[in-house]
C-alpha atoms as a PDB file:
ATOM      1  CA  MET A   1      16.826  15.737  -4.900  1.00  0.00           C
ATOM      2  CA  THR A   2      13.958  18.196  -3.783  1.00  0.00           C
ATOM      3  CA  HIS A   3      10.497  16.752  -3.364  1.00  0.00           C
ATOM      4  CA  THR A   4       8.564  18.086  -6.192  1.00  0.00           C
ATOM      5  CA  SER A   5      11.718  17.124  -8.355  1.00  0.00           C
ATOM      6  CA  PHE A   6      11.673  13.943  -7.278  1.00  0.00           C
ATOM      7  CA  SER A   7       7.982  13.562  -7.158  1.00  0.00           C
ATOM      8  CA  GLU A   8       8.099  14.899 -10.853  1.00  0.00           C
ATOM      9  CA  PHE A   9      10.781  12.128 -11.234  1.00  0.00           C
ATOM     10  CA  ILE A  10       8.357   9.528 -10.122  1.00  0.00           C
ATOM     11  CA  LYS A  11       5.420  10.974 -12.337  1.00  0.00           C
ATOM     12  CA  ASN A  12       7.663  10.772 -15.146  1.00  0.00           C
ATOM     13  CA  LEU A  13       8.747   7.191 -15.355  1.00  0.00           C
ATOM     14  CA  SER A  14       5.129   6.231 -17.147  1.00  0.00           C
ATOM     15  CA  GLN A  15       2.756   8.042 -19.105  1.00  0.00           C
ATOM     16  CA  SER A  16      -0.288   6.090 -18.862  1.00  0.00           C
ATOM     17  CA  PHE A  17      -1.656   3.108 -16.444  1.00  0.00           C
ATOM     18  CA  ILE A  18       0.336   0.661 -14.740  1.00  0.00           C
ATOM     19  CA  PRO A  19      -1.239  -2.564 -13.325  1.00  0.00           C
ATOM     20  CA  VAL A  20       0.490  -3.241  -9.558  1.00  0.00           C
ATOM     21  CA  VAL A  21      -2.144  -6.336  -9.480  1.00  0.00           C
ATOM     22  CA  ASP A  22      -3.185  -8.614 -11.685  1.00  0.00           C
ATOM     23  CA  THR A  23      -4.007  -7.979 -15.533  1.00  0.00           C
ATOM     24  CA  LYS A  24      -7.293  -8.870 -15.795  1.00  0.00           C
ATOM     25  CA  PHE A  25      -8.064  -5.773 -14.325  1.00  0.00           C
ATOM     26  CA  SER A  26      -7.975  -3.333 -16.667  1.00  0.00           C
ATOM     27  CA  LYS A  27      -7.954   0.624 -15.632  1.00  0.00           C
ATOM     28  CA  GLU A  28     -11.559   1.298 -16.199  1.00  0.00           C
ATOM     29  CA  ASN A  29     -12.596  -2.285 -13.571  1.00  0.00           C
ATOM     30  CA  TYR A  30     -11.187   0.814 -10.770  1.00  0.00           C
ATOM     31  CA  LYS A  31     -12.707   3.153  -8.310  1.00  0.00           C
ATOM     32  CA  PHE A  32     -11.944   4.949  -6.044  1.00  0.00           C
ATOM     33  CA  ILE A  33     -12.722   4.678  -1.917  1.00  0.00           C
ATOM     34  CA  ASP A  34     -13.204   7.235   0.280  1.00  0.00           C
ATOM     35  CA  LEU A  35     -11.802   5.104   3.642  1.00  0.00           C
ATOM     36  CA  SER A  36     -11.249   8.988   5.386  1.00  0.00           C
ATOM     37  CA  LEU A  37     -13.142  10.068   9.334  1.00  0.00           C
ATOM     38  CA  ASN A  38     -14.626  12.066   6.366  1.00  0.00           C
ATOM     39  CA  ASN A  39     -16.775   8.950   5.145  1.00  0.00           C
ATOM     40  CA  ALA A  40     -19.761   8.890   7.172  1.00  0.00           C
ATOM     41  CA  LEU A  41     -20.931   5.952   5.997  1.00  0.00           C
ATOM     42  CA  LEU A  42     -17.739   3.997   7.838  1.00  0.00           C
ATOM     43  CA  LYS A  43     -19.602   5.118  10.843  1.00  0.00           C
ATOM     44  CA  SER A  44     -22.277   2.354  10.297  1.00  0.00           C
ATOM     45  CA  ILE A  45     -20.068  -0.705  10.308  1.00  0.00           C
ATOM     46  CA  ASP A  46     -17.571  -1.765  12.805  1.00  0.00           C
ATOM     47  CA  VAL A  47     -14.493  -1.292  10.774  1.00  0.00           C
ATOM     48  CA  SER A  48     -12.356  -3.708  13.471  1.00  0.00           C
ATOM     49  CA  SER A  49     -13.865  -6.578  11.969  1.00  0.00           C
ATOM     50  CA  SER A  50     -11.859  -7.444   9.205  1.00  0.00           C
ATOM     51  CA  ASN A  51     -15.159  -9.142   7.854  1.00  0.00           C
ATOM     52  CA  ALA A  52     -17.539  -6.452   8.280  1.00  0.00           C
ATOM     53  CA  PHE A  53     -15.174  -4.208   6.185  1.00  0.00           C
ATOM     54  CA  GLU A  54     -14.143  -7.020   3.669  1.00  0.00           C
ATOM     55  CA  ALA A  55     -18.203  -6.896   3.111  1.00  0.00           C
ATOM     56  CA  TYR A  56     -18.300  -3.168   2.828  1.00  0.00           C
ATOM     57  CA  ILE A  57     -15.031  -2.604   0.288  1.00  0.00           C
ATOM     58  CA  ASN A  58     -17.038  -5.543  -2.138  1.00  0.00           C
ATOM     59  CA  ASN A  59     -20.340  -3.892  -1.527  1.00  0.00           C
ATOM     60  CA  TYR A  60     -19.012  -1.160  -2.222  1.00  0.00           C
ATOM     61  CA  LEU A  61     -17.464  -2.470  -5.552  1.00  0.00           C
ATOM     62  CA  HIS A  62     -21.255  -3.992  -6.789  1.00  0.00           C
ATOM     63  CA  THR A  63     -23.005  -0.602  -6.326  1.00  0.00           C
ATOM     64  CA  HIS A  64     -20.313   1.132  -8.872  1.00  0.00           C
ATOM     65  CA  ASP A  65     -19.898  -1.838 -11.591  1.00  0.00           C
ATOM     66  CA  ALA A  66     -16.172  -1.977 -10.417  1.00  0.00           C
ATOM     67  CA  LEU A  67     -13.240  -5.027  -9.509  1.00  0.00           C
ATOM     68  CA  VAL A  68     -10.586  -3.068  -7.854  1.00  0.00           C
ATOM     69  CA  ALA A  69     -11.009   0.024  -5.016  1.00  0.00           C
ATOM     70  CA  TYR A  70      -8.441   2.111  -4.936  1.00  0.00           C
ATOM     71  CA  GLY A  71      -7.245   5.198  -2.894  1.00  0.00           C
ATOM     72  CA  GLY A  72      -6.155   6.431   0.418  1.00  0.00           C
ATOM     73  CA  TYR A  73      -2.636   8.155  -0.326  1.00  0.00           C
ATOM     74  CA  ASN A  74      -2.830  11.358   2.619  1.00  0.00           C
ATOM     75  CA  GLU A  75      -6.161   9.859   3.593  1.00  0.00           C
ATOM     76  CA  LYS A  76      -7.150  11.094   7.714  1.00  0.00           C
ATOM     77  CA  ARG A  77      -8.159   7.819   8.879  1.00  0.00           C
ATOM     78  CA  GLY A  78      -9.971   5.826  11.965  1.00  0.00           C
ATOM     79  CA  ILE A  79      -9.766   1.826  11.171  1.00  0.00           C
ATOM     80  CA  TYR A  80      -6.219   1.938  12.942  1.00  0.00           C
ATOM     81  CA  ASN A  81      -8.079   3.207  16.658  1.00  0.00           C
ATOM     82  CA  ARG A  82      -8.420  -0.311  17.183  1.00  0.00           C
ATOM     83  CA  SER A  83      -4.951  -1.246  17.042  1.00  0.00           C
ATOM     84  CA  GLU A  84      -1.967  -0.892  20.105  1.00  0.00           C
ATOM     85  CA  HIS A  85       0.833  -0.961  16.935  1.00  0.00           C
ATOM     86  CA  PHE A  86      -0.920   2.722  15.634  1.00  0.00           C
ATOM     87  CA  ASN A  87      -2.926   4.541  18.556  1.00  0.00           C
ATOM     88  CA  GLN A  88      -1.575   6.782  21.170  1.00  0.00           C
ATOM     89  CA  GLN A  89      -3.548   8.820  23.054  1.00  0.00           C
ATOM     90  CA  ASP A  90      -1.710  12.364  21.837  1.00  0.00           C
ATOM     91  CA  PRO A  91      -3.425  13.393  18.620  1.00  0.00           C
ATOM     92  CA  GLU A  92      -0.841  14.942  17.730  1.00  0.00           C
ATOM     93  CA  THR A  93       1.374  12.056  17.937  1.00  0.00           C
ATOM     94  CA  GLU A  94      -1.325   8.954  16.940  1.00  0.00           C
ATOM     95  CA  ARG A  95      -0.330   7.656  14.025  1.00  0.00           C
ATOM     96  CA  ASN A  96      -3.785   7.948  11.140  1.00  0.00           C
ATOM     97  CA  ILE A  97      -2.548   9.654   8.155  1.00  0.00           C
ATOM     98  CA  HIS A  98      -2.003   6.361   5.088  1.00  0.00           C
ATOM     99  CA  LEU A  99       1.072   7.240   3.110  1.00  0.00           C
ATOM    100  CA  GLY A 100       0.629   4.719   0.709  1.00  0.00           C
ATOM    101  CA  LEU A 101      -1.915   3.470  -1.912  1.00  0.00           C
ATOM    102  CA  ASP A 102      -4.124   0.886  -1.384  1.00  0.00           C
ATOM    103  CA  VAL A 103      -5.640  -1.814  -3.708  1.00  0.00           C
ATOM    104  CA  TRP A 104      -8.873  -3.396  -2.194  1.00  0.00           C
ATOM    105  CA  CYS A 105      -9.369  -6.459  -4.487  1.00  0.00           C
ATOM    106  CA  ASP A 106      -9.441 -10.258  -3.495  1.00  0.00           C
ATOM    107  CA  SER A 107      -7.064 -12.499  -1.443  1.00  0.00           C
ATOM    108  CA  GLY A 108      -4.773 -14.294  -4.094  1.00  0.00           C
ATOM    109  CA  THR A 109      -4.552 -11.812  -6.590  1.00  0.00           C
ATOM    110  CA  ALA A 110      -1.321 -11.344  -8.167  1.00  0.00           C
ATOM    111  CA  VAL A 111       0.859  -8.161  -7.465  1.00  0.00           C
ATOM    112  CA  LEU A 112       2.891  -7.238 -10.028  1.00  0.00           C
ATOM    113  CA  ALA A 113       6.410  -5.163 -10.011  1.00  0.00           C
ATOM    114  CA  PRO A 114       4.968  -1.979 -11.736  1.00  0.00           C
ATOM    115  CA  LEU A 115       8.648  -1.535 -12.417  1.00  0.00           C
ATOM    116  CA  ALA A 116      12.062  -3.468 -12.568  1.00  0.00           C
ATOM    117  CA  GLY A 117      13.651  -3.767  -9.809  1.00  0.00           C
ATOM    118  CA  LYS A 118      15.338  -6.287  -7.317  1.00  0.00           C
ATOM    119  CA  VAL A 119      14.177  -7.611  -3.704  1.00  0.00           C
ATOM    120  CA  HIS A 120      16.280  -5.067  -0.926  1.00  0.00           C
ATOM    121  CA  SER A 121      14.650  -6.853   2.139  1.00  0.00           C
ATOM    122  CA  PHE A 122      11.188  -9.046   3.289  1.00  0.00           C
ATOM    123  CA  LYS A 123       9.433  -9.352   6.307  1.00  0.00           C
ATOM    124  CA  ASN A 124       6.419 -10.668   8.268  1.00  0.00           C
ATOM    125  CA  ASN A 125       5.254  -8.334  10.280  1.00  0.00           C
ATOM    126  CA  LYS A 126       3.001  -9.669  12.433  1.00  0.00           C
ATOM    127  CA  ASN A 127       1.892  -6.765  14.902  1.00  0.00           C
ATOM    128  CA  PHE A 128      -2.015  -6.513  15.280  1.00  0.00           C
ATOM    129  CA  GLY A 129      -2.571  -4.203  12.189  1.00  0.00           C
ATOM    130  CA  ASP A 130       0.375  -4.375  10.396  1.00  0.00           C
ATOM    131  CA  TYR A 131       1.714  -5.180   7.375  1.00  0.00           C
ATOM    132  CA  GLY A 132       1.746  -9.134   7.587  1.00  0.00           C
ATOM    133  CA  PRO A 133       4.196 -10.382   5.115  1.00  0.00           C
ATOM    134  CA  THR A 134       6.043  -7.235   3.290  1.00  0.00           C
ATOM    135  CA  ILE A 135       8.101  -6.971   0.091  1.00  0.00           C
ATOM    136  CA  ILE A 136      10.029  -4.300  -0.441  1.00  0.00           C
ATOM    137  CA  LEU A 137      11.911  -3.855  -3.950  1.00  0.00           C
ATOM    138  CA  GLU A 138      14.735  -1.202  -5.395  1.00  0.00           C
ATOM    139  CA  HIS A 139      14.882   0.719  -8.334  1.00  0.00           C
ATOM    140  CA  SER A 140      17.345   2.160  -9.721  1.00  0.00           C
ATOM    141  CA  ILE A 141      16.608   4.420 -12.868  1.00  0.00           C
ATOM    142  CA  GLN A 142      19.079   7.390 -14.017  1.00  0.00           C
ATOM    143  CA  ASP A 143      21.178   6.709 -11.576  1.00  0.00           C
ATOM    144  CA  ILE A 144      18.580   7.178  -8.310  1.00  0.00           C
ATOM    145  CA  THR A 145      17.904   4.580  -6.584  1.00  0.00           C
ATOM    146  CA  PHE A 146      14.652   4.644  -4.649  1.00  0.00           C
ATOM    147  CA  PHE A 147      12.048   1.857  -3.558  1.00  0.00           C
ATOM    148  CA  THR A 148       8.591   0.331  -3.669  1.00  0.00           C
ATOM    149  CA  LEU A 149       7.038  -1.076  -1.175  1.00  0.00           C
ATOM    150  CA  TYR A 150       4.374  -3.996  -1.075  1.00  0.00           C
ATOM    151  CA  GLY A 151       2.358  -4.987   2.458  1.00  0.00           C
ATOM    152  CA  HIS A 152      -0.040  -7.400   3.075  1.00  0.00           C
ATOM    153  CA  LEU A 153       0.438 -10.693   0.982  1.00  0.00           C
ATOM    154  CA  SER A 154       0.290 -14.032   1.644  1.00  0.00           C
ATOM    155  CA  GLU A 155       2.889 -16.098   3.382  1.00  0.00           C
ATOM    156  CA  ASN A 156       3.715 -17.992   0.779  1.00  0.00           C
ATOM    157  CA  SER A 157       5.144 -14.377  -1.259  1.00  0.00           C
ATOM    158  CA  ILE A 158       7.779 -14.433   0.918  1.00  0.00           C
ATOM    159  CA  LYS A 159       8.639 -18.329   1.086  1.00  0.00           C
ATOM    160  CA  ASN A 160      12.239 -18.652  -0.604  1.00  0.00           C
ATOM    161  CA  LEU A 161      12.723 -15.308  -1.601  1.00  0.00           C
ATOM    162  CA  HIS A 162      15.844 -13.783  -1.799  1.00  0.00           C
ATOM    163  CA  GLU A 163      17.156 -10.477  -1.272  1.00  0.00           C
ATOM    164  CA  GLY A 164      18.755  -8.803  -4.473  1.00  0.00           C
ATOM    165  CA  LYS A 165      16.367 -11.389  -6.352  1.00  0.00           C
ATOM    166  CA  SER A 166      15.738  -9.080 -10.046  1.00  0.00           C
ATOM    167  CA  PHE A 167      12.065  -9.098 -11.464  1.00  0.00           C
ATOM    168  CA  VAL A 168      11.518  -6.783 -14.718  1.00  0.00           C
ATOM    169  CA  LYS A 169       8.815  -4.713 -15.319  1.00  0.00           C
ATOM    170  CA  GLY A 170       5.156  -6.822 -15.443  1.00  0.00           C
ATOM    171  CA  ASP A 171       6.497 -10.201 -12.920  1.00  0.00           C
ATOM    172  CA  VAL A 172       4.403 -12.055 -10.870  1.00  0.00           C
ATOM    173  CA  ILE A 173       6.407 -11.289  -7.411  1.00  0.00           C
ATOM    174  CA  ALA A 174       3.308 -11.698  -4.724  1.00  0.00           C
ATOM    175  CA  GLU A 175      -0.001 -12.723  -3.874  1.00  0.00           C
ATOM    176  CA  LEU A 176      -2.540 -10.891  -1.556  1.00  0.00           C
ATOM    177  CA  GLY A 177      -2.948 -11.997   1.835  1.00  0.00           C
ATOM    178  CA  THR A 178      -6.312 -12.901   3.658  1.00  0.00           C
ATOM    179  CA  ALA A 179      -7.191 -11.269   7.471  1.00  0.00           C
ATOM    180  CA  GLU A 180      -5.162 -13.906   8.868  1.00  0.00           C
ATOM    181  CA  VAL A 181      -1.970 -13.421   7.428  1.00  0.00           C
ATOM    182  CA  ASN A 182      -2.196  -9.562   6.604  1.00  0.00           C
ATOM    183  CA  GLY A 183      -2.137  -8.044   9.872  1.00  0.00           C
ATOM    184  CA  ASP A 184      -6.422  -8.317   9.943  1.00  0.00           C
ATOM    185  CA  TYR A 185      -7.532  -6.449   6.935  1.00  0.00           C
ATOM    186  CA  ALA A 186      -9.685  -6.926   4.313  1.00  0.00           C
ATOM    187  CA  PRO A 187      -7.736  -8.215   1.557  1.00  0.00           C
ATOM    188  CA  HIS A 188      -5.521  -5.155  -0.283  1.00  0.00           C
ATOM    189  CA  LEU A 189      -2.686  -4.381  -2.215  1.00  0.00           C
ATOM    190  CA  HIS A 190      -0.862  -1.420   0.107  1.00  0.00           C
ATOM    191  CA  PHE A 191       1.538   0.185  -2.505  1.00  0.00           C
ATOM    192  CA  GLN A 192       4.510   3.139  -1.049  1.00  0.00           C
ATOM    193  CA  ILE A 193       7.048   4.050  -2.869  1.00  0.00           C
ATOM    194  CA  ILE A 194       9.880   5.314  -0.388  1.00  0.00           C
ATOM    195  CA  LYS A 195      13.315   7.809  -1.136  1.00  0.00           C
ATOM    196  CA  ASP A 196      15.159   6.483   1.524  1.00  0.00           C
ATOM    197  CA  MET A 197      14.193   3.775   3.283  1.00  0.00           C
ATOM    198  CA  GLN A 198      16.152   4.992   6.374  1.00  0.00           C
ATOM    199  CA  GLY A 199      18.184   1.749   7.320  1.00  0.00           C
ATOM    200  CA  ASN A 200      15.395  -0.095   7.261  1.00  0.00           C
ATOM    201  CA  GLN A 201      14.786  -3.856   6.847  1.00  0.00           C
ATOM    202  CA  GLY A 202      11.343  -5.276   5.379  1.00  0.00           C
ATOM    203  CA  ASP A 203       9.571  -2.226   6.935  1.00  0.00           C
ATOM    204  CA  TYR A 204       9.072   1.267   6.900  1.00  0.00           C
ATOM    205  CA  PRO A 205       6.637   3.278   8.225  1.00  0.00           C
ATOM    206  CA  GLY A 206       2.606   3.361   6.491  1.00  0.00           C
ATOM    207  CA  VAL A 207       0.937   5.363   8.473  1.00  0.00           C
ATOM    208  CA  SER A 208       2.339   8.936   9.641  1.00  0.00           C
ATOM    209  CA  ASN A 209       1.419  10.774  12.786  1.00  0.00           C
ATOM    210  CA  LYS A 210       0.488  14.568  12.142  1.00  0.00           C
ATOM    211  CA  ILE A 211       3.200  15.914  13.614  1.00  0.00           C
ATOM    212  CA  HIS A 212       5.872  13.807  11.040  1.00  0.00           C
ATOM    213  CA  LEU A 213       3.695  14.239   8.317  1.00  0.00           C
ATOM    214  CA  ASP A 214       5.982  16.509   6.010  1.00  0.00           C
ATOM    215  CA  PHE A 215       9.035  14.559   6.241  1.00  0.00           C
ATOM    216  CA  TYR A 216       6.982  11.398   5.082  1.00  0.00           C
ATOM    217  CA  LEU A 217       4.883  12.711   2.085  1.00  0.00           C
ATOM    218  CA  GLU A 218       8.250  14.339   0.735  1.00  0.00           C
ATOM    219  CA  ASN A 219       9.941  10.975   1.369  1.00  0.00           C
ATOM    220  CA  CYS A 220       7.206   8.905  -0.152  1.00  0.00           C
ATOM    221  CA  PRO A 221       5.184  10.867  -2.661  1.00  0.00           C
ATOM    222  CA  ASP A 222       1.709  10.088  -4.249  1.00  0.00           C
ATOM    223  CA  PRO A 223       2.418   6.059  -5.465  1.00  0.00           C
ATOM    224  CA  ASN A 224      -1.098   7.123  -8.368  1.00  0.00           C
ATOM    225  CA  LEU A 225       1.740   9.072  -9.693  1.00  0.00           C
ATOM    226  CA  LEU A 226       3.284   6.619 -10.784  1.00  0.00           C
ATOM    227  CA  LEU A 227       0.584   3.825 -11.328  1.00  0.00           C
ATOM    228  CA  LYS A 228      -1.353   6.829 -13.108  1.00  0.00           C
ATOM    229  CA  ILE A 229      -5.077   5.120 -12.017  1.00  0.00           C
END
């Protein structure tokens, strides 16, 4: 399946907004946030501090009368520079282009399955700046198999979980973790759609470098094609 046809397939799976966090938030409660290198306001905060970043997010939500911030797909960011997990000396190989959609709201917020699926794999990715607890669901729709990744969860989210566990659309599959367990970020969900897992288990790159970007954008289409926030 080509990039265009897979993206169209994902887009056609929904006709309207699908929540991926608690249903108490309506579409009108969401506000897009720019966390790219182009956002000059980020230069005035200490992005290496999860507390400072959380304060920035909360102030942004308050200022815009919103409850949830979202965005980040194909966004070139500076916030990964603090982590050796991403940072490289060569600009061509530095991983700083985001491949998922981030949903910023409080720790403990329920994470929902936007589509029916089963647990493909899960893992606690403990590198500084990594996902922390992560769940990957496998979906088979119209004879097409693909995957969705949920990162920055609580440790409880992967306790008593097993591969193959089934969820229906709208089921609570996890909850958001705190900075202490989620890779040291302000609480949020990293949601990513993946066509081919390439043999990965419980993990998949959520940030690309410039060299491999075309491949990853093809393998990981814009999650908002499905969620329609």
